[in-house]
């Protein structure tokens, strides 16, 4: 007699997936509300592409912050690294450099910061906040040494490259005269989404990715399980530095100019995006997909504030809204994880949503 295979039991949601799901739901709820209130501006796909165009560099650097935070660390030097990369690359291009050498310069600067800070934090066991704070000040100072005055890219080939757009006719709209206006995305958006996909696969499918979660959850237990804690932590900061360098180049492709205050607050926006996306400051929980939607939530907030006209008369509303949203998500994370730990959800949600911290 042939026995049928029993149906596979649904695996319970992990904390990472649950918090990511909450972030995705909140993004769509916010965007849907904006569509109902402000209409046409949010009904067109170009609005989404505009948010991606403006935040491609932030997506990249936030992916690096997510890896570091999953491992239980922090990196607040990324904004300074972006600023330094932008200024160095502009000066290099205007001095006769090529696009390739400028890209390699950006990667080299990012790796230099990532390797140095990773070594000091991982192998000399110096507090990451202190090291990356010093890195931020050093990068900002070096930016002013490279050039005190604002710089604009005068490289023709580079300007031609940054003017290129990827068009999506199917996502465009027709004007009143019947002319099709396709949705347009910058090259930097493609770079950001490819990096997002690669980091997602690395975190989910590789031994290194599982190592980040292990050292963030409990470094002593990870060590007992055979994870090289120091090397894994070192790699996380190296990746963060590398992505900061790439983000700086993408930022330059978007703006085409640079000054000493470039990417001011980028590190705080990246950390906020990761937290809103479900990454815990304590480590062990996080997902770059959630971080992506964290970036999109911040972008939606900015779009709503701008569309409503608050940014013109009262520009502080954007910061107030982001701060309130950040506090809300931190509180939400604490409440959700506390209820799960105490079994408070067992009477409120299905069994498959009751899981462990993985």
Protein backbone atom coordinates (compact mmCIF):
# COMPACT_ATOMS: atom_id res chain seq x y z
CA UNK A 1 0.00 0.00 0.00
CA UNK A 2 1.42 3.35 -1.06
CA UNK A 3 1.33 5.96 1.67
CA UNK A 4 0.87 9.56 0.77
CA UNK A 5 3.52 11.95 1.89
CA UNK A 6 2.19 14.07 4.74
CA UNK A 7 1.79 17.75 4.06
CA UNK A 8 4.82 19.77 5.06
CA UNK A 9 4.32 21.66 8.28
CA UNK A 10 4.62 25.40 7.94
CA UNK A 11 7.75 26.71 9.54
CA UNK A 12 7.15 29.49 12.08
CA UNK A 13 8.10 33.02 11.12
CA UNK A 14 11.44 34.14 12.43
CA UNK A 15 11.87 37.53 14.08
CA UNK A 16 13.70 38.75 10.98
CA UNK A 17 10.88 37.82 8.60
CA UNK A 18 8.16 39.10 10.94
CA UNK A 19 9.76 42.53 11.38
CA UNK A 20 10.50 42.75 7.65
CA UNK A 21 6.87 41.90 6.87
CA UNK A 22 5.68 44.63 9.21
CA UNK A 23 7.93 47.18 7.47
CA UNK A 24 6.68 46.15 4.02
CA UNK A 25 3.07 46.42 5.17
CA UNK A 26 3.65 49.90 6.65
CA UNK A 27 5.33 51.12 3.45
CA UNK A 28 2.43 50.02 1.26
CA UNK A 29 -0.08 51.43 3.77
CA UNK A 30 1.70 54.80 3.77
CA UNK A 31 2.00 54.92 0.00
CA UNK A 32 -1.63 53.89 -0.50
CA UNK A 33 -2.73 56.63 1.92
CA UNK A 34 -0.62 59.16 -0.02
CA UNK A 35 -2.27 58.00 -3.27
CA UNK A 36 -5.72 58.57 -1.79
CA UNK A 37 -4.88 62.03 -0.40
CA UNK A 38 -2.60 63.55 -3.03
CA UNK A 39 -3.69 61.57 -6.07
CA UNK A 40 -1.90 61.81 -9.41
CA UNK A 41 1.58 62.54 -8.11
CA UNK A 42 1.66 59.20 -6.28
CA UNK A 43 -0.34 57.27 -8.86
CA UNK A 44 2.43 57.38 -11.46
CA UNK A 45 5.28 54.90 -11.41
CA UNK A 46 7.72 57.75 -11.98
CA UNK A 47 7.20 58.78 -8.35
CA UNK A 48 8.59 55.43 -7.23
CA UNK A 49 11.48 55.70 -9.68
CA UNK A 50 12.20 59.23 -8.45
CA UNK A 51 12.46 57.91 -4.90
CA UNK A 52 14.82 55.19 -6.12
CA UNK A 53 16.90 57.67 -8.12
CA UNK A 54 17.28 59.99 -5.14
CA UNK A 55 18.09 57.18 -2.70
CA UNK A 56 20.18 54.70 -4.71
CA UNK A 57 23.34 55.60 -2.77
CA UNK A 58 21.46 55.33 0.52
CA UNK A 59 20.22 51.83 -0.39
CA UNK A 60 23.80 50.70 -1.01
CA UNK A 61 25.27 52.15 2.16
CA UNK A 62 22.30 50.95 4.23
CA UNK A 63 22.98 47.39 3.03
CA UNK A 64 26.49 47.70 4.47
CA UNK A 65 25.12 49.09 7.75
CA UNK A 66 22.64 46.20 7.92
CA UNK A 67 25.45 43.64 7.74
CA UNK A 68 27.41 45.42 10.48
CA UNK A 69 24.34 45.80 12.70
CA UNK A 70 23.32 42.16 12.23
CA UNK A 71 26.78 41.30 13.56
CA UNK A 72 26.16 43.48 16.62
CA UNK A 73 28.29 46.43 15.50
CA UNK A 74 27.82 49.98 14.23
CA UNK A 75 29.51 52.12 11.58
CA UNK A 76 28.92 55.88 11.62
CA UNK A 77 31.79 56.72 9.27
CA UNK A 78 29.90 55.92 6.07
CA UNK A 79 28.66 59.47 5.43
CA UNK A 80 32.16 60.86 5.72
CA UNK A 81 33.51 58.16 3.41
CA UNK A 82 30.87 59.01 0.79
CA UNK A 83 31.81 62.70 1.02
CA UNK A 84 35.53 61.94 0.64
CA UNK A 85 34.92 59.58 -2.28
CA UNK A 86 32.80 62.15 -4.12
CA UNK A 87 35.35 64.94 -3.74
CA UNK A 88 38.35 62.75 -4.65
CA UNK A 89 36.63 61.32 -7.72
CA UNK A 90 35.53 64.73 -8.97
CA UNK A 91 39.04 66.16 -8.62
CA UNK A 92 40.44 63.05 -10.30
CA UNK A 93 38.01 63.23 -13.24
CA UNK A 94 38.58 66.96 -13.71
CA UNK A 95 42.33 66.33 -13.70
CA UNK A 96 42.14 64.02 -16.70
CA UNK A 97 41.22 60.72 -15.07
CA UNK A 98 38.93 58.14 -16.60
CA UNK A 99 35.62 56.74 -15.38
CA UNK A 100 37.26 53.38 -14.66
CA UNK A 101 40.09 54.86 -12.59
CA UNK A 102 37.59 57.03 -10.71
CA UNK A 103 35.50 53.93 -9.89
CA UNK A 104 38.62 52.08 -8.71
CA UNK A 105 39.59 55.11 -6.61
CA UNK A 106 36.16 55.07 -4.96
CA UNK A 107 36.41 51.36 -4.22
CA UNK A 108 39.96 51.79 -2.91
CA UNK A 109 39.00 54.57 -0.49
CA UNK A 110 36.05 52.59 0.80
CA UNK A 111 38.13 49.45 1.27
CA UNK A 112 40.88 51.41 3.05
CA UNK A 113 38.40 52.67 5.64
CA UNK A 114 36.66 49.31 5.95
CA UNK A 115 39.85 47.28 6.39
CA UNK A 116 41.44 49.73 8.84
CA UNK A 117 38.35 50.13 11.00
CA UNK A 118 37.56 46.43 10.81
CA UNK A 119 41.06 45.51 12.00
CA UNK A 120 40.97 47.95 14.93
CA UNK A 121 37.50 46.82 15.99
CA UNK A 122 37.84 43.07 15.42
CA UNK A 123 41.42 42.26 16.32
CA UNK A 124 42.33 45.06 18.75
CA UNK A 125 38.80 45.00 20.23
CA UNK A 126 38.32 48.76 20.34
CA UNK A 127 34.74 50.00 20.65
CA UNK A 128 33.21 50.32 17.15
CA UNK A 129 31.45 53.59 17.97
CA UNK A 130 34.76 55.26 18.90
CA UNK A 131 36.64 53.93 15.88
CA UNK A 132 33.96 54.78 13.33
CA UNK A 133 33.39 58.19 14.93
CA UNK A 134 37.10 58.88 14.45
CA UNK A 135 36.77 57.58 10.88
CA UNK A 136 33.90 59.97 10.22
CA UNK A 137 35.87 62.99 11.47
CA UNK A 138 38.96 61.89 9.56
CA UNK A 139 37.01 61.46 6.30
CA UNK A 140 35.26 64.82 6.67
CA UNK A 141 38.58 66.51 7.41
CA UNK A 142 40.28 64.89 4.43
CA UNK A 143 37.40 66.05 2.22
CA UNK A 144 38.15 69.69 3.03
CA UNK A 145 41.87 69.09 2.40
CA UNK A 146 41.14 67.68 -1.07
CA UNK A 147 39.05 70.75 -1.91
CA UNK A 148 37.53 73.44 0.26
CA UNK A 149 35.45 74.83 -2.58
CA UNK A 150 32.45 73.02 -4.10
CA UNK A 151 33.36 71.06 -7.21
CA UNK A 152 31.38 70.14 -10.32
CA UNK A 153 32.20 67.30 -12.69
CA UNK A 154 33.48 68.66 -16.02
CA UNK A 155 34.31 65.25 -17.50
CA UNK A 156 32.28 64.88 -20.72
CA UNK A 157 32.20 61.08 -20.82
CA UNK A 158 31.13 60.88 -17.18
CA UNK A 159 28.41 63.50 -17.65
CA UNK A 160 27.17 61.58 -20.68
CA UNK A 161 27.05 58.41 -18.58
CA UNK A 162 25.18 60.02 -15.70
CA UNK A 163 22.66 61.48 -18.17
CA UNK A 164 21.73 57.99 -19.38
CA UNK A 165 18.36 56.66 -18.24
CA UNK A 166 16.76 53.24 -18.39
CA UNK A 167 13.24 53.68 -19.76
CA UNK A 168 10.17 51.57 -19.00
CA UNK A 169 7.44 52.33 -21.53
CA UNK A 170 4.95 49.98 -19.89
CA UNK A 171 5.18 51.93 -16.62
CA UNK A 172 4.91 55.36 -18.21
CA UNK A 173 1.90 57.61 -18.68
CA UNK A 174 0.25 59.56 -21.50
CA UNK A 175 -0.02 63.33 -21.54
CA UNK A 176 -3.22 65.11 -22.51
CA UNK A 177 -1.90 65.29 -26.06
CA UNK A 178 -1.42 61.52 -26.15
CA UNK A 179 2.37 61.53 -25.86
CA UNK A 180 3.89 58.61 -23.92
CA UNK A 181 6.22 59.64 -21.11
CA UNK A 182 8.12 56.50 -20.01
CA UNK A 183 9.23 55.90 -16.45
CA UNK A 184 12.97 56.57 -16.16
CA UNK A 185 15.55 55.14 -13.78
CA UNK A 186 19.18 56.14 -13.36
CA UNK A 187 22.04 53.67 -13.77
CA UNK A 188 22.72 53.99 -10.05
CA UNK A 189 19.36 52.36 -9.30
CA UNK A 190 20.41 49.24 -11.21
CA UNK A 191 23.71 49.16 -9.30
CA UNK A 192 21.86 49.51 -5.99
CA UNK A 193 19.33 46.76 -6.75
CA UNK A 194 22.03 44.35 -7.96
CA UNK A 195 24.01 44.92 -4.75
CA UNK A 196 20.83 44.47 -2.71
CA UNK A 197 20.17 41.12 -4.38
CA UNK A 198 23.76 39.92 -3.93
CA UNK A 199 23.80 40.86 -0.23
CA UNK A 200 20.43 39.18 0.29
CA UNK A 201 21.70 35.94 -1.26
CA UNK A 202 24.92 36.13 0.73
CA UNK A 203 23.08 36.58 4.04
CA UNK A 204 20.56 33.84 3.31
CA UNK A 205 22.56 31.19 1.47
CA UNK A 206 26.21 31.34 2.56
CA UNK A 207 28.14 30.26 5.62
CA UNK A 208 29.50 33.79 5.96
CA UNK A 209 26.00 35.23 6.06
CA UNK A 210 24.95 32.81 8.78
CA UNK A 211 28.11 33.77 10.63
CA UNK A 212 26.99 37.41 10.80
CA UNK A 213 23.73 36.37 12.43
CA UNK A 214 25.56 34.02 14.80
CA UNK A 215 28.03 36.60 16.16
CA UNK A 216 25.26 39.17 16.45
CA UNK A 217 22.98 36.82 18.35
CA UNK A 218 25.65 35.55 20.77
CA UNK A 219 29.34 35.81 19.93
CA UNK A 220 30.38 33.32 22.64
CA UNK A 221 27.97 30.68 21.35
CA UNK A 222 29.12 31.38 17.78
CA UNK A 223 32.72 30.85 18.86
CA UNK A 224 31.81 27.52 20.47
CA UNK A 225 30.10 26.49 17.23
CA UNK A 226 33.31 27.07 15.28
CA UNK A 227 32.63 30.54 13.86
CA UNK A 228 35.73 32.68 13.57
CA UNK A 229 34.20 35.70 15.35
CA UNK A 230 37.06 38.14 14.76
CA UNK A 231 37.41 37.34 11.07
CA UNK A 232 33.64 37.47 10.50
CA UNK A 233 33.36 40.84 12.24
CA UNK A 234 36.35 42.12 10.26
CA UNK A 235 34.69 41.08 6.99
CA UNK A 236 31.46 42.87 7.96
CA UNK A 237 33.28 46.19 8.36
CA UNK A 238 35.27 45.58 5.18
CA UNK A 239 32.04 45.04 3.24
CA UNK A 240 30.55 48.17 4.80
CA UNK A 241 33.58 50.21 3.72
CA UNK A 242 33.47 48.75 0.21
CA UNK A 243 29.78 49.56 -0.16
CA UNK A 244 30.40 53.08 1.17
CA UNK A 245 32.92 53.62 -1.62
CA UNK A 246 30.49 52.35 -4.24
CA UNK A 247 27.72 54.47 -2.72
CA UNK A 248 29.96 57.53 -3.02
CA UNK A 249 30.46 56.91 -6.74
CA UNK A 250 26.70 56.37 -7.25
CA UNK A 251 26.01 59.55 -5.26
CA UNK A 252 28.35 61.46 -7.58
CA UNK A 253 26.57 60.01 -10.62
CA UNK A 254 23.29 61.35 -9.24
CA UNK A 255 24.44 64.84 -8.26
CA UNK A 256 27.36 65.50 -10.61
CA UNK A 257 28.85 67.80 -7.98
CA UNK A 258 30.39 67.71 -4.53
CA UNK A 259 31.26 69.78 -1.48
CA UNK A 260 32.49 69.31 2.07
CA UNK A 261 28.96 68.69 3.36
CA UNK A 262 28.09 65.94 0.88
CA UNK A 263 25.98 63.11 2.31
CA UNK A 264 25.58 64.95 5.61
CA UNK A 265 23.54 62.69 7.86
CA UNK A 266 23.83 59.71 5.50
CA UNK A 267 25.01 57.48 8.33
CA UNK A 268 21.97 58.37 10.45
CA UNK A 269 19.60 57.82 7.52
CA UNK A 270 21.22 54.45 6.81
CA UNK A 271 20.92 53.37 10.45
CA UNK A 272 17.32 54.61 10.57
CA UNK A 273 16.51 52.70 7.37
CA UNK A 274 17.96 49.49 8.80
CA UNK A 275 16.06 49.87 12.08
CA UNK A 276 12.79 50.71 10.34
CA UNK A 277 13.40 47.69 8.10
CA UNK A 278 13.56 45.38 11.12
CA UNK A 279 17.26 45.24 12.00
CA UNK A 280 17.91 45.23 15.74
CA UNK A 281 20.65 47.39 17.25
CA UNK A 282 21.44 44.48 19.57
CA UNK A 283 22.32 42.29 16.56
CA UNK A 284 21.27 38.88 15.30
CA UNK A 285 18.11 40.06 13.51
CA UNK A 286 17.87 41.89 10.20
CA UNK A 287 17.32 41.65 6.47
CA UNK A 288 18.42 43.85 3.56
CA UNK A 289 14.98 43.52 1.98
CA UNK A 290 13.55 45.12 5.10
CA UNK A 291 16.28 47.77 4.91
CA UNK A 292 15.26 48.52 1.32
CA UNK A 293 11.69 49.13 2.42
CA UNK A 294 13.05 51.18 5.32
CA UNK A 295 14.72 53.45 2.76
CA UNK A 296 11.48 53.59 0.78
CA UNK A 297 9.51 54.51 3.93
CA UNK A 298 11.86 57.43 4.56
CA UNK A 299 11.59 58.42 0.89
CA UNK A 300 7.79 58.28 1.10
CA UNK A 301 7.84 60.48 4.21
CA UNK A 302 10.01 63.00 2.38
CA UNK A 303 7.71 62.91 -0.65
CA UNK A 304 4.62 63.42 1.52
CA UNK A 305 6.19 66.34 3.39
CA UNK A 306 7.28 67.93 0.10
CA UNK A 307 3.94 67.36 -1.64
CA UNK A 308 1.98 68.77 1.28
CA UNK A 309 4.07 71.95 1.15
CA UNK A 310 5.43 71.61 4.68
CA UNK A 311 9.05 71.50 3.51
CA UNK A 312 8.85 75.07 2.18
CA UNK A 313 7.33 76.85 5.15
CA UNK A 314 8.47 74.49 7.89
CA UNK A 315 11.41 72.32 6.73
CA UNK A 316 11.86 70.79 10.17
CA UNK A 317 8.70 68.67 9.71
CA UNK A 318 10.71 66.16 7.69
CA UNK A 319 13.15 65.54 10.55
CA UNK A 320 10.34 65.48 13.11
CA UNK A 321 8.41 62.89 11.08
CA UNK A 322 11.46 60.67 10.56
CA UNK A 323 12.35 60.89 14.26
CA UNK A 324 8.81 59.97 15.28
CA UNK A 325 8.77 57.08 12.81
CA UNK A 326 12.11 55.81 14.12
CA UNK A 327 10.90 55.89 17.71
CA UNK A 328 7.70 54.12 16.66
CA UNK A 329 9.61 51.29 14.99
CA UNK A 330 12.00 50.82 17.91
CA UNK A 331 9.01 50.64 20.26
CA UNK A 332 7.20 48.30 17.88
CA UNK A 333 10.19 45.97 17.69
CA UNK A 334 10.46 45.86 21.48
CA UNK A 335 6.76 45.14 21.93
CA UNK A 336 6.60 42.49 19.20
CA UNK A 337 9.69 40.61 20.36
CA UNK A 338 8.64 40.85 24.01
CA UNK A 339 5.20 39.42 23.26
CA UNK A 340 6.71 36.60 21.20
CA UNK A 341 9.17 35.77 23.95
CA UNK A 342 6.44 35.62 26.59
CA UNK A 343 4.00 33.76 24.38
CA UNK A 344 1.63 36.72 24.21
CA UNK A 345 1.00 36.14 20.53
CA UNK A 346 -0.17 32.55 20.90
CA UNK A 347 -3.77 33.57 21.36
CA UNK A 348 -3.56 36.40 18.81
CA UNK A 349 -1.87 34.94 15.73
CA UNK A 350 -1.64 31.59 13.90
CA UNK A 351 0.92 29.04 15.06
CA UNK A 352 3.06 29.46 11.94
CA UNK A 353 3.71 33.09 12.97
CA UNK A 354 5.19 32.00 16.29
CA UNK A 355 8.90 31.49 15.76
CA UNK A 356 12.38 31.88 17.12
CA UNK A 357 15.13 34.46 16.71
CA UNK A 358 16.96 33.32 13.58
